[in-house]
């Protein structure tokens, strides 16, 4: 048999034709049989690997099967939240149904605790079904890269080719670099080049073809030992999924992560299931609704946490129910429509005719790319290293357990911080502006190690992903790339006054403060006087601010300067 090629670094489906000459010839089965491995790309529309595999299969009269692995132990080690696991599990039956109906492809779901079990199972599947090719989309975290590289070597021994495609980003890592080929350390020049690259290129969403040879496919991928469970029917996947979620919830309870003082996992699950219907149809509907109703006021409304004015797509992007490319393409269509409709006369337009609101949202998609590009350029970030190691090591970070628990549970005495944390604990989601405020309070006012906050967010967030979460935390802690200068420290009281002027968000999540006027909530001195003994609101069950922000700010600046 001919030797197989190494892992192919594809960035577009067009490259598949250039690799046909390297494809392994299958002498074991007629017709050939290929495998699609779904990971964080749980959709049919604009799925790079799926599109490429279907095209390649039809060109070679090959059959296609698909697989997804539930990995509870791996999820736990990566601090994946219960609500995110539940979102993944709820998506799988819809993915299976769409695959079968639209592309004639069966999906098998396996439960394998660890990545090593996944790779062993794929090897067994390929051997049992005489498969000659596996395709998947890239994942950029360290364990995932090591898993894929190991699998590539193992499959090559059996003359099975493993091809990965770039799919998570709008533009793949290493495609946007400085003139000397290095990664940008600041977002603004990265964004300018990212935007220019897209402006001068042609991009379109990929559309997978129905697999013709699958008409005669035996659509059952059976497990090969008792440690694996599989399903390839929608109802069976639902049943299996329920078991996985219940088992994962039990794992987290035993580890003390959920159902602790500040988190009710059952309530969190109930909210997430209502707020985030599963599947790519729901994701695309949410995008369409956002563009139709909210994107034209995004630049201002995005910073008001009491408004439901953001896209609410991050949970879907994280597990791949919708692609970032599709979001970008729909946003650029909206940009073109707005330009032709308003003819540069609308107040939302800058002097050069650009719609500030739509462009602001596009820049948020670029931030998502940016942090993934940074992770690929600095893989040590996955091991909890700071981007700016020298500055990080200069800080005598606090690990005060009592202070950290007060922050986690929303009992700091700072209304906006507490409301944000209680919202996170109850829903599995936090508004982006509030992520910055709460992170800065932890790392600057309390000087607690950003890694503790980063981990806690991942344990709670439905949209948690390492690159964006790490990037955001290091930005707030001033230890990352394009980080906030250490002397730029958000005042949580003035932030509340600016972005929650009437205290609507605060009072939603802190009902004990419902009768406290906003002018008191937004003043540290007035609030402290009001809730302490003898104060007008001393009878309510709410603590005084645990630190004095002005003093804490001075201490933080001194610490970052290395003066204490």
Protein backbone atom coordinates (compact mmCIF):
# COMPACT_ATOMS: atom_id res chain seq x y z
CA UNK A 1 0.00 0.00 0.00
CA UNK A 2 1.17 3.56 -0.59
CA UNK A 3 2.27 5.55 2.43
CA UNK A 4 -0.14 8.12 3.81
CA UNK A 5 0.51 11.82 3.91
CA UNK A 6 0.99 13.67 7.22
CA UNK A 7 -1.80 15.69 8.79
CA UNK A 8 -2.90 18.17 6.16
CA UNK A 9 -3.17 21.80 7.20
CA UNK A 10 -6.19 22.76 5.11
CA UNK A 11 -7.86 26.15 5.29
CA UNK A 12 -10.45 25.82 2.51
CA UNK A 13 -12.47 23.13 0.82
CA UNK A 14 -10.92 24.12 -2.50
CA UNK A 15 -7.69 22.42 -1.40
CA UNK A 16 -9.29 18.98 -1.40
CA UNK A 17 -8.62 18.54 -5.10
CA UNK A 18 -4.93 19.18 -4.52
CA UNK A 19 -4.81 16.32 -2.05
CA UNK A 20 -6.68 13.64 -4.02
CA UNK A 21 -3.40 12.37 -5.42
CA UNK A 22 -2.24 11.71 -1.84
CA UNK A 23 -5.40 9.96 -0.68
CA UNK A 24 -4.93 6.39 0.49
CA UNK A 25 -6.20 3.67 -1.84
CA UNK A 26 -8.52 1.33 0.05
CA UNK A 27 -8.10 -2.34 -0.92
CA UNK A 28 -10.24 -3.71 1.93
CA UNK A 29 -13.68 -2.41 1.01
CA UNK A 30 -15.73 -1.59 -2.02
CA UNK A 31 -16.98 1.10 -2.03
CA UNK A 32 -14.54 3.08 0.15
CA UNK A 33 -15.75 4.20 3.57
CA UNK A 34 -14.86 7.50 5.30
CA UNK A 35 -15.49 8.82 8.81
CA UNK A 36 -16.52 12.32 9.87
CA UNK A 37 -15.47 13.12 13.46
CA UNK A 38 -17.62 15.88 14.96
CA UNK A 39 -16.12 17.90 17.81
CA UNK A 40 -17.01 21.56 18.42
CA UNK A 41 -18.69 21.88 15.04
CA UNK A 42 -22.17 20.49 15.66
CA UNK A 43 -23.82 21.62 12.45
CA UNK A 44 -24.26 20.85 8.78
CA UNK A 45 -24.25 24.37 7.39
CA UNK A 46 -20.83 25.83 6.62
CA UNK A 47 -18.93 22.96 8.18
CA UNK A 48 -15.54 22.82 6.46
CA UNK A 49 -14.56 19.21 7.19
CA UNK A 50 -18.05 17.85 6.57
CA UNK A 51 -18.31 19.66 3.23
CA UNK A 52 -14.88 18.44 2.14
CA UNK A 53 -15.57 14.86 3.16
CA UNK A 54 -18.92 14.69 1.38
CA UNK A 55 -17.40 16.16 -1.77
CA UNK A 56 -14.49 13.72 -1.63
CA UNK A 57 -16.84 10.80 -0.95
CA UNK A 58 -19.06 11.55 -3.92
CA UNK A 59 -16.02 11.94 -6.16
CA UNK A 60 -14.86 8.46 -5.13
CA UNK A 61 -18.25 6.77 -4.73
CA UNK A 62 -17.43 6.37 -1.04
CA UNK A 63 -19.71 5.87 1.94
CA UNK A 64 -19.61 8.16 4.99
CA UNK A 65 -20.37 7.60 8.66
CA UNK A 66 -20.09 10.15 11.48
CA UNK A 67 -19.13 9.92 15.13
CA UNK A 68 -19.18 12.10 18.24
CA UNK A 69 -17.55 11.31 21.59
CA UNK A 70 -18.88 12.35 24.98
CA UNK A 71 -15.85 12.62 27.27
CA UNK A 72 -16.99 13.26 30.87
CA UNK A 73 -13.60 12.89 32.56
CA UNK A 74 -11.93 15.07 29.94
CA UNK A 75 -14.67 17.68 30.23
CA UNK A 76 -14.21 17.79 33.97
CA UNK A 77 -10.44 18.17 33.71
CA UNK A 78 -11.03 21.06 31.30
CA UNK A 79 -13.55 22.61 33.74
CA UNK A 80 -16.36 22.44 31.20
CA UNK A 81 -19.57 23.69 32.78
CA UNK A 82 -22.60 21.48 33.35
CA UNK A 83 -24.80 23.79 31.28
CA UNK A 84 -22.38 23.62 28.34
CA UNK A 85 -22.25 19.83 28.48
CA UNK A 86 -26.04 19.80 28.59
CA UNK A 87 -26.16 22.14 25.59
CA UNK A 88 -23.88 19.80 23.64
CA UNK A 89 -25.97 16.79 24.61
CA UNK A 90 -29.23 18.52 23.64
CA UNK A 91 -27.73 19.37 20.27
CA UNK A 92 -26.67 15.83 19.32
CA UNK A 93 -30.14 14.38 18.53
CA UNK A 94 -30.87 17.37 16.30
CA UNK A 95 -27.53 16.95 14.57
CA UNK A 96 -28.20 13.22 14.05
CA UNK A 97 -31.64 13.91 12.62
CA UNK A 98 -30.36 16.58 10.22
CA UNK A 99 -27.42 14.45 9.09
CA UNK A 100 -29.70 11.52 8.30
CA UNK A 101 -32.41 13.53 6.62
CA UNK A 102 -30.32 16.00 4.63
CA UNK A 103 -27.05 14.21 3.90
CA UNK A 104 -27.94 10.53 4.32
CA UNK A 105 -25.21 10.17 6.98
CA UNK A 106 -25.68 8.22 10.24
CA UNK A 107 -24.25 9.57 13.50
CA UNK A 108 -22.94 7.31 16.25
CA UNK A 109 -22.42 8.74 19.74
CA UNK A 110 -19.94 7.09 22.07
CA UNK A 111 -19.19 7.72 25.73
CA UNK A 112 -15.44 7.62 26.28
CA UNK A 113 -14.07 9.14 29.46
CA UNK A 114 -10.78 10.34 28.03
CA UNK A 115 -9.23 11.35 24.74
CA UNK A 116 -7.14 8.20 24.65
CA UNK A 117 -10.34 6.13 24.64
CA UNK A 118 -11.62 8.22 21.72
CA UNK A 119 -8.55 7.58 19.59
CA UNK A 120 -8.61 3.85 20.37
CA UNK A 121 -12.27 3.67 19.38
CA UNK A 122 -11.67 5.48 16.10
CA UNK A 123 -8.87 3.04 15.28
CA UNK A 124 -11.23 0.14 16.04
CA UNK A 125 -14.03 1.63 13.94
CA UNK A 126 -11.73 2.21 10.99
CA UNK A 127 -10.43 -1.37 11.19
CA UNK A 128 -13.88 -2.92 11.56
CA UNK A 129 -15.45 -0.88 8.75
CA UNK A 130 -12.42 -0.85 6.45
CA UNK A 131 -12.29 2.93 6.54
CA UNK A 132 -9.49 4.68 4.70
CA UNK A 133 -10.05 8.31 5.69
CA UNK A 134 -11.07 10.34 8.75
CA UNK A 135 -11.79 14.05 8.61
CA UNK A 136 -12.32 16.57 11.41
CA UNK A 137 -12.00 20.27 12.10
CA UNK A 138 -9.04 21.60 14.06
CA UNK A 139 -9.15 22.20 17.78
CA UNK A 140 -6.38 24.44 19.10
CA UNK A 141 -5.99 23.56 22.78
CA UNK A 142 -2.98 21.56 23.94
CA UNK A 143 -4.58 18.22 24.88
CA UNK A 144 -6.64 18.27 21.71
CA UNK A 145 -3.59 18.91 19.52
CA UNK A 146 -1.66 16.11 21.22
CA UNK A 147 -4.61 13.75 20.80
CA UNK A 148 -4.89 14.50 17.09
CA UNK A 149 -1.17 14.17 16.44
CA UNK A 150 -1.09 10.82 18.20
CA UNK A 151 -4.12 9.62 16.25
CA UNK A 152 -2.52 10.69 13.00
CA UNK A 153 0.50 8.49 13.70
CA UNK A 154 -1.60 5.52 14.79
CA UNK A 155 -3.94 5.69 11.80
CA UNK A 156 -1.02 6.04 9.41
CA UNK A 157 0.23 2.63 10.53
CA UNK A 158 -3.01 1.20 9.14
CA UNK A 159 -2.85 3.36 6.00
CA UNK A 160 -5.74 5.50 7.14
CA UNK A 161 -5.44 9.21 6.42
CA UNK A 162 -6.51 11.75 9.04
CA UNK A 163 -7.19 15.20 7.57
CA UNK A 164 -8.03 18.25 9.63
CA UNK A 165 -9.46 21.55 8.46
CA UNK A 166 -9.48 25.05 9.91
CA UNK A 167 -13.07 25.90 10.79
CA UNK A 168 -13.35 27.67 14.18
CA UNK A 169 -12.07 31.02 12.96
CA UNK A 170 -13.17 33.28 10.16
CA UNK A 171 -9.53 33.50 9.11
CA UNK A 172 -7.31 30.64 10.31
CA UNK A 173 -4.46 31.02 12.81
CA UNK A 174 -1.15 32.23 11.35
CA UNK A 175 -2.93 33.85 8.40
CA UNK A 176 -2.85 37.32 9.98
CA UNK A 177 0.68 38.27 10.97
CA UNK A 178 2.99 41.24 11.11
CA UNK A 179 5.42 41.94 8.28
CA UNK A 180 8.02 39.75 9.95
CA UNK A 181 5.57 36.84 10.24
CA UNK A 182 4.95 37.12 13.99
CA UNK A 183 1.63 37.27 15.79
CA UNK A 184 0.16 40.68 16.54
CA UNK A 185 0.33 41.55 20.23
CA UNK A 186 -2.27 44.32 19.97
CA UNK A 187 -5.78 43.86 18.68
CA UNK A 188 -6.21 47.08 16.68
CA UNK A 189 -3.53 46.44 14.01
CA UNK A 190 -4.59 42.78 13.94
CA UNK A 191 -8.17 43.88 13.27
CA UNK A 192 -7.18 46.30 10.53
CA UNK A 193 -5.27 43.59 8.66
CA UNK A 194 -7.99 40.99 9.41
CA UNK A 195 -10.64 43.31 7.99
CA UNK A 196 -8.56 44.29 4.96
CA UNK A 197 -7.87 40.63 4.19
CA UNK A 198 -11.59 39.88 4.22
CA UNK A 199 -12.46 42.99 2.23
CA UNK A 200 -10.19 41.99 -0.66
CA UNK A 201 -11.06 38.28 -0.62
CA UNK A 202 -14.08 36.25 -1.61
CA UNK A 203 -15.68 34.21 1.15
CA UNK A 204 -18.74 32.03 0.99
CA UNK A 205 -20.40 29.50 3.26
CA UNK A 206 -19.76 25.85 2.49
CA UNK A 207 -22.63 23.53 1.65
CA UNK A 208 -22.24 19.78 2.11
CA UNK A 209 -23.60 17.40 -0.52
CA UNK A 210 -25.82 14.40 0.14
CA UNK A 211 -23.67 11.25 0.14
CA UNK A 212 -24.96 9.15 -2.75
CA UNK A 213 -23.18 5.89 -1.91
CA UNK A 214 -24.80 5.84 1.54
CA UNK A 215 -28.01 4.46 0.05
CA UNK A 216 -26.56 0.98 0.60
CA UNK A 217 -24.70 1.71 3.84
CA UNK A 218 -25.05 -0.47 6.92
CA UNK A 219 -25.75 2.44 9.25
CA UNK A 220 -24.86 0.85 12.56
CA UNK A 221 -21.51 1.56 14.19
CA UNK A 222 -21.57 -0.88 17.11
CA UNK A 223 -19.42 -0.51 20.24
CA UNK A 224 -16.44 -2.83 20.51
CA UNK A 225 -16.26 -3.35 24.27
CA UNK A 226 -18.34 -2.80 27.37
CA UNK A 227 -16.67 0.49 28.28
CA UNK A 228 -18.29 2.26 25.34
CA UNK A 229 -21.89 3.13 24.75
CA UNK A 230 -23.14 4.18 21.34
CA UNK A 231 -26.30 5.20 19.63
CA UNK A 232 -27.26 6.01 16.07
CA UNK A 233 -30.94 6.75 16.39
CA UNK A 234 -32.36 10.03 17.64
CA UNK A 235 -34.28 8.53 20.57
CA UNK A 236 -31.32 6.40 21.60
CA UNK A 237 -29.05 9.44 21.49
CA UNK A 238 -31.50 11.36 23.67
CA UNK A 239 -31.59 8.53 26.20
CA UNK A 240 -27.83 8.19 26.18
CA UNK A 241 -27.47 11.96 26.51
CA UNK A 242 -29.71 12.15 29.55
CA UNK A 243 -27.53 9.53 31.23
CA UNK A 244 -24.39 11.47 30.36
CA UNK A 245 -25.75 14.75 31.79
CA UNK A 246 -26.94 13.07 34.99
CA UNK A 247 -23.58 11.38 35.41
CA UNK A 248 -21.68 14.60 34.75
CA UNK A 249 -23.81 16.51 37.24
CA UNK A 250 -23.03 13.85 39.83
CA UNK A 251 -19.31 14.13 39.04
CA UNK A 252 -19.39 17.88 39.65
CA UNK A 253 -21.43 17.51 42.82
CA UNK A 254 -18.90 15.04 44.21
CA UNK A 255 -16.12 17.46 43.30
CA UNK A 256 -17.93 20.30 45.09
CA UNK A 257 -18.32 22.36 41.92
CA UNK A 258 -22.12 22.50 41.63
CA UNK A 259 -24.87 22.62 44.23
CA UNK A 260 -22.58 24.51 46.56
CA UNK A 261 -23.59 27.62 48.47
CA UNK A 262 -23.84 29.87 45.44
CA UNK A 263 -24.87 27.54 42.59
CA UNK A 264 -28.11 25.61 42.08
CA UNK A 265 -27.29 23.37 39.13
CA UNK A 266 -30.89 22.27 38.58
CA UNK A 267 -32.06 25.88 38.32
CA UNK A 268 -29.10 26.70 36.07
CA UNK A 269 -29.97 23.81 33.76
CA UNK A 270 -33.64 24.80 33.63
CA UNK A 271 -32.77 28.36 32.67
CA UNK A 272 -30.23 27.32 30.04
CA UNK A 273 -32.63 24.90 28.41
CA UNK A 274 -35.24 27.63 28.13
CA UNK A 275 -32.89 30.41 27.07
CA UNK A 276 -30.80 28.37 24.60
CA UNK A 277 -32.86 26.00 22.44
CA UNK A 278 -30.48 23.47 20.94
CA UNK A 279 -29.37 23.05 17.35
CA UNK A 280 -28.22 24.99 14.33
CA UNK A 281 -31.75 25.95 13.29
CA UNK A 282 -32.22 27.73 16.61
CA UNK A 283 -28.77 29.33 16.28
CA UNK A 284 -29.43 30.63 12.77
CA UNK A 285 -32.85 31.91 13.82
CA UNK A 286 -31.24 33.81 16.69
CA UNK A 287 -28.70 35.36 14.31
CA UNK A 288 -31.44 36.41 11.88
CA UNK A 289 -33.48 37.89 14.71
CA UNK A 290 -30.51 39.81 16.08
CA UNK A 291 -29.68 41.28 12.68
CA UNK A 292 -33.31 42.20 12.05
CA UNK A 293 -33.99 43.76 15.44
CA UNK A 294 -30.87 44.69 17.43
CA UNK A 295 -27.71 44.98 15.39
CA UNK A 296 -28.42 48.55 14.27
CA UNK A 297 -28.30 49.75 17.88
CA UNK A 298 -25.55 47.41 19.03
CA UNK A 299 -22.76 49.93 19.60
CA UNK A 300 -24.59 51.58 22.51
CA UNK A 301 -27.04 48.91 23.67
CA UNK A 302 -24.38 46.22 24.01
CA UNK A 303 -23.09 47.86 27.20
CA UNK A 304 -26.46 47.91 29.00
CA UNK A 305 -26.82 44.61 30.88
CA UNK A 306 -30.53 45.06 31.58
CA UNK A 307 -31.25 45.01 27.85
CA UNK A 308 -31.32 41.82 25.83
CA UNK A 309 -29.50 43.67 23.07
CA UNK A 310 -26.54 41.41 22.31
CA UNK A 311 -26.65 38.53 19.84
CA UNK A 312 -26.70 35.79 22.52
CA UNK A 313 -24.84 33.63 20.00
CA UNK A 314 -21.70 32.88 22.00
CA UNK A 315 -23.11 29.64 23.45
CA UNK A 316 -23.82 28.40 19.92
CA UNK A 317 -20.47 29.53 18.52
CA UNK A 318 -18.63 27.76 21.34
CA UNK A 319 -20.02 24.31 20.48
CA UNK A 320 -20.17 25.04 16.75
CA UNK A 321 -23.94 25.05 16.20
CA UNK A 322 -23.28 28.07 14.00
CA UNK A 323 -20.09 29.12 12.26
CA UNK A 324 -18.30 32.42 12.79
CA UNK A 325 -18.00 32.71 9.02
CA UNK A 326 -21.77 32.56 8.60
CA UNK A 327 -22.15 35.25 11.25
CA UNK A 328 -19.63 37.44 9.45
CA UNK A 329 -21.26 36.93 6.06
CA UNK A 330 -24.72 37.80 7.40
CA UNK A 331 -23.32 40.87 9.14
CA UNK A 332 -21.66 42.11 5.95
CA UNK A 333 -24.96 41.67 4.11
CA UNK A 334 -26.62 43.79 6.78
CA UNK A 335 -23.83 46.33 6.36
CA UNK A 336 -24.45 46.53 2.60
CA UNK A 337 -28.21 46.81 3.10
CA UNK A 338 -27.80 49.54 5.70
CA UNK A 339 -25.47 51.50 3.45
CA UNK A 340 -27.89 51.43 0.54
CA UNK A 341 -30.90 52.25 2.74
CA UNK A 342 -29.46 55.10 4.77
CA UNK A 343 -27.13 56.50 2.14
CA UNK A 344 -24.78 57.74 4.82
CA UNK A 345 -27.41 59.99 6.40
CA UNK A 346 -28.18 57.94 9.46
CA UNK A 347 -26.75 58.99 12.81
CA UNK A 348 -25.30 55.50 13.22
CA UNK A 349 -22.82 56.24 10.46
CA UNK A 350 -19.38 57.68 10.87
CA UNK A 351 -18.03 60.38 8.57
CA UNK A 352 -16.78 57.84 6.05
CA UNK A 353 -20.16 56.13 5.87
CA UNK A 354 -19.41 53.09 8.01
CA UNK A 355 -22.22 51.78 10.20
CA UNK A 356 -20.76 51.91 13.71
CA UNK A 357 -23.17 49.36 15.17
CA UNK A 358 -22.70 46.60 12.61
CA UNK A 359 -18.97 47.19 12.43
CA UNK A 360 -18.75 47.00 16.21
CA UNK A 361 -20.36 43.55 16.15
CA UNK A 362 -18.03 42.43 13.36
CA UNK A 363 -15.11 43.55 15.53
CA UNK A 364 -16.38 41.23 18.28
CA UNK A 365 -16.11 38.34 15.83
CA UNK A 366 -12.55 39.49 15.14
CA UNK A 367 -11.77 39.42 18.87
CA UNK A 368 -12.84 35.78 18.88
CA UNK A 369 -10.40 35.06 16.03
CA UNK A 370 -7.68 37.11 17.73
CA UNK A 371 -7.66 35.09 20.93
CA UNK A 372 -7.51 31.81 19.01
CA UNK A 373 -4.63 33.12 16.93
CA UNK A 374 -2.86 34.13 20.15
CA UNK A 375 -3.37 30.65 21.60
CA UNK A 376 -1.81 29.01 18.56
CA UNK A 377 1.13 31.45 18.71
CA UNK A 378 1.53 30.97 22.49
CA UNK A 379 0.47 27.39 23.30
CA UNK A 380 1.92 27.69 26.81
CA UNK A 381 -1.15 29.77 27.70
CA UNK A 382 -3.11 26.53 28.01
CA UNK A 383 -0.87 25.63 30.96
CA UNK A 384 -1.96 28.72 32.90
CA UNK A 385 1.07 30.80 32.02
CA UNK A 386 0.53 34.53 31.69
CA UNK A 387 1.27 36.13 28.34
CA UNK A 388 3.33 38.72 30.20
CA UNK A 389 5.19 36.39 32.55
CA UNK A 390 7.43 39.09 33.97
CA UNK A 391 4.54 41.29 35.08
CA UNK A 392 2.54 38.34 36.36
CA UNK A 393 5.43 37.12 38.50
CA UNK A 394 5.85 40.60 39.97
CA UNK A 395 2.45 40.49 41.65
CA UNK A 396 2.09 38.90 45.06
CA UNK A 397 -1.27 37.45 44.15
CA UNK A 398 -3.71 36.76 46.96
CA UNK A 399 -5.34 33.37 47.49
CA UNK A 400 -7.63 34.46 50.33
CA UNK A 401 -10.34 31.81 50.32
CA UNK A 402 -12.89 33.91 52.20
CA UNK A 403 -12.51 36.82 49.78
CA UNK A 404 -12.73 34.52 46.77
CA UNK A 405 -15.88 32.85 48.06
CA UNK A 406 -17.48 36.25 48.66
CA UNK A 407 -16.76 37.13 45.02
CA UNK A 408 -18.04 33.77 43.72
CA UNK A 409 -21.28 33.97 45.67
CA UNK A 410 -22.01 37.64 44.95
CA UNK A 411 -21.54 38.87 48.49
CA UNK A 412 -18.83 41.50 48.11
CA UNK A 413 -21.03 44.46 49.03
CA UNK A 414 -20.48 45.95 45.55
CA UNK A 415 -23.91 45.83 43.87
CA UNK A 416 -22.91 45.54 40.21
CA UNK A 417 -20.31 42.86 40.95
CA UNK A 418 -22.70 40.89 43.15
CA UNK A 419 -25.58 41.13 40.67
CA UNK A 420 -23.32 39.92 37.86
CA UNK A 421 -22.04 36.97 39.87
CA UNK A 422 -25.50 35.92 41.02
CA UNK A 423 -26.71 36.15 37.42
CA UNK A 424 -23.85 33.88 36.35
CA UNK A 425 -24.58 31.38 39.11
CA UNK A 426 -28.27 31.26 38.27
CA UNK A 427 -28.13 31.26 34.47
CA UNK A 428 -24.67 30.15 33.32
CA UNK A 429 -24.24 33.44 31.45
CA UNK A 430 -22.79 36.87 32.13
CA UNK A 431 -22.97 40.03 30.05
CA UNK A 432 -19.59 40.90 28.51
CA UNK A 433 -19.32 44.33 30.14
CA UNK A 434 -19.91 42.67 33.50
CA UNK A 435 -17.25 40.05 32.81
CA UNK A 436 -14.72 42.89 32.64
CA UNK A 437 -16.08 44.60 35.76
CA UNK A 438 -16.13 41.44 37.89
CA UNK A 439 -12.73 40.28 36.63
CA UNK A 440 -11.11 43.63 37.38
CA UNK A 441 -12.66 43.69 40.83
CA UNK A 442 -11.21 40.27 41.61
CA UNK A 443 -7.76 40.94 40.18
CA UNK A 444 -7.32 44.62 41.05
CA UNK A 445 -9.49 45.42 44.08
CA UNK A 446 -8.84 42.05 45.76
CA UNK A 447 -5.53 41.23 43.99
CA UNK A 448 -6.65 37.60 43.70
CA UNK A 449 -4.88 35.49 41.08
CA UNK A 450 -6.70 35.77 37.76
CA UNK A 451 -6.37 32.00 37.27
CA UNK A 452 -8.92 31.38 40.03
CA UNK A 453 -11.46 33.62 38.35
CA UNK A 454 -10.71 32.18 34.93
CA UNK A 455 -11.38 28.68 36.25
CA UNK A 456 -14.58 29.69 38.03
CA UNK A 457 -15.99 31.26 34.88
CA UNK A 458 -15.25 28.11 32.88
CA UNK A 459 -17.03 26.03 35.51
CA UNK A 460 -20.16 28.16 35.19
CA UNK A 461 -20.40 29.63 31.68
CA UNK A 462 -22.52 28.03 28.98
CA UNK A 463 -20.33 29.79 26.40
CA UNK A 464 -16.99 29.14 28.08
CA UNK A 465 -14.10 28.38 25.75
CA UNK A 466 -10.48 28.52 26.73
CA UNK A 467 -9.12 31.04 24.22
CA UNK A 468 -11.71 33.78 24.75
CA UNK A 469 -12.02 33.22 28.49
CA UNK A 470 -8.26 33.23 29.04
CA UNK A 471 -7.83 36.25 26.79
CA UNK A 472 -10.53 38.18 28.62
CA UNK A 473 -9.17 37.37 32.06
CA UNK A 474 -5.61 38.26 31.15
CA UNK A 475 -6.85 41.50 29.59
CA UNK A 476 -8.56 42.42 32.87
CA UNK A 477 -5.57 41.34 34.96
CA UNK A 478 -3.19 43.33 32.72
CA UNK A 479 -1.04 40.23 32.16
CA UNK A 480 -2.13 39.37 28.63
CA UNK A 481 -1.66 40.46 25.06
CA UNK A 482 -3.37 43.78 24.31
CA UNK A 483 -4.09 43.98 28.04
CA UNK A 484 -5.63 46.89 29.87
CA UNK A 485 -2.82 49.04 31.33
CA UNK A 486 -2.38 48.18 34.97
CA UNK A 487 -3.41 51.70 36.01
CA UNK A 488 -6.70 51.41 34.11
CA UNK A 489 -8.90 49.93 36.81
CA UNK A 490 -12.66 49.95 36.43
CA UNK A 491 -14.59 51.54 39.26
CA UNK A 492 -17.56 49.18 39.74
CA UNK A 493 -19.73 51.98 41.14
CA UNK A 494 -19.16 54.37 38.24
CA UNK A 495 -19.58 51.45 35.84
CA UNK A 496 -22.98 50.79 37.39
CA UNK A 497 -23.93 54.46 37.09
CA UNK A 498 -22.96 54.49 33.41
CA UNK A 499 -24.40 51.16 32.31
CA UNK A 500 -27.20 50.49 34.81
CA UNK A 501 -28.28 54.04 35.69
CA UNK A 502 -31.63 53.12 37.21
CA UNK A 503 -30.27 50.04 38.96
CA UNK A 504 -32.59 47.82 36.95
CA UNK A 505 -30.09 45.01 36.47
CA UNK A 506 -28.82 45.26 40.03
CA UNK A 507 -32.29 45.07 41.54
CA UNK A 508 -33.25 42.13 39.31
CA UNK A 509 -30.50 40.00 40.83
CA UNK A 510 -30.28 41.64 44.26
CA UNK A 511 -33.95 41.93 45.26
CA UNK A 512 -32.91 42.90 48.79
CA UNK A 513 -31.83 46.24 47.29
CA UNK A 514 -35.14 46.92 45.54
CA UNK A 515 -35.95 49.92 47.76
CA UNK A 516 -32.48 51.47 47.69
CA UNK A 517 -32.33 54.50 45.36
CA UNK A 518 -29.96 54.26 42.41
CA UNK A 519 -27.95 57.28 43.55
CA UNK A 520 -27.04 55.33 46.70
CA UNK A 521 -26.29 52.11 44.82
CA UNK A 522 -23.90 53.99 42.57
CA UNK A 523 -21.95 55.69 45.38
CA UNK A 524 -19.61 53.61 47.52
CA UNK A 525 -19.63 56.12 50.36
CA UNK A 526 -23.41 56.53 50.39
CA UNK A 527 -24.00 52.77 50.17
CA UNK A 528 -21.56 52.01 52.96
CA UNK A 529 -23.27 54.56 55.20
CA UNK A 530 -26.73 53.30 54.26
CA UNK A 531 -26.20 49.59 55.00
CA UNK A 532 -23.99 49.80 58.09
CA UNK A 533 -25.32 50.11 61.62
CA UNK A 534 -27.49 53.18 62.04
CA UNK A 535 -27.89 53.65 58.29
CA UNK A 536 -31.22 54.02 56.52
CA UNK A 537 -31.01 50.52 55.03
CA UNK A 538 -29.07 48.76 57.78
CA UNK A 539 -32.04 46.42 58.27
CA UNK A 540 -31.62 44.76 54.87
CA UNK A 541 -29.48 41.67 54.49
CA UNK A 542 -26.71 43.14 52.36
CA UNK A 543 -23.03 43.60 53.34
CA UNK A 544 -21.07 46.82 53.22
CA UNK A 545 -18.44 46.97 50.44
CA UNK A 546 -15.65 44.60 51.43
CA UNK A 547 -12.91 46.97 50.26
CA UNK A 548 -12.54 50.68 49.69
CA UNK A 549 -12.13 50.97 45.93
CA UNK A 550 -9.95 54.09 45.99
CA UNK A 551 -7.53 52.54 48.46
CA UNK A 552 -7.62 49.16 46.66
CA UNK A 553 -6.81 50.90 43.39
CA UNK A 554 -3.76 52.60 44.88
CA UNK A 555 -2.54 49.31 46.32
CA UNK A 556 -3.03 47.55 42.98
CA UNK A 557 -1.07 50.20 41.08
CA UNK A 558 1.74 49.97 43.62
CA UNK A 559 1.76 46.16 43.29
CA UNK A 560 1.98 46.31 39.50
CA UNK A 561 4.77 48.84 39.77
CA UNK A 562 6.57 46.46 42.11
CA UNK A 563 6.44 48.91 44.99
CA UNK A 564 5.05 46.49 47.56
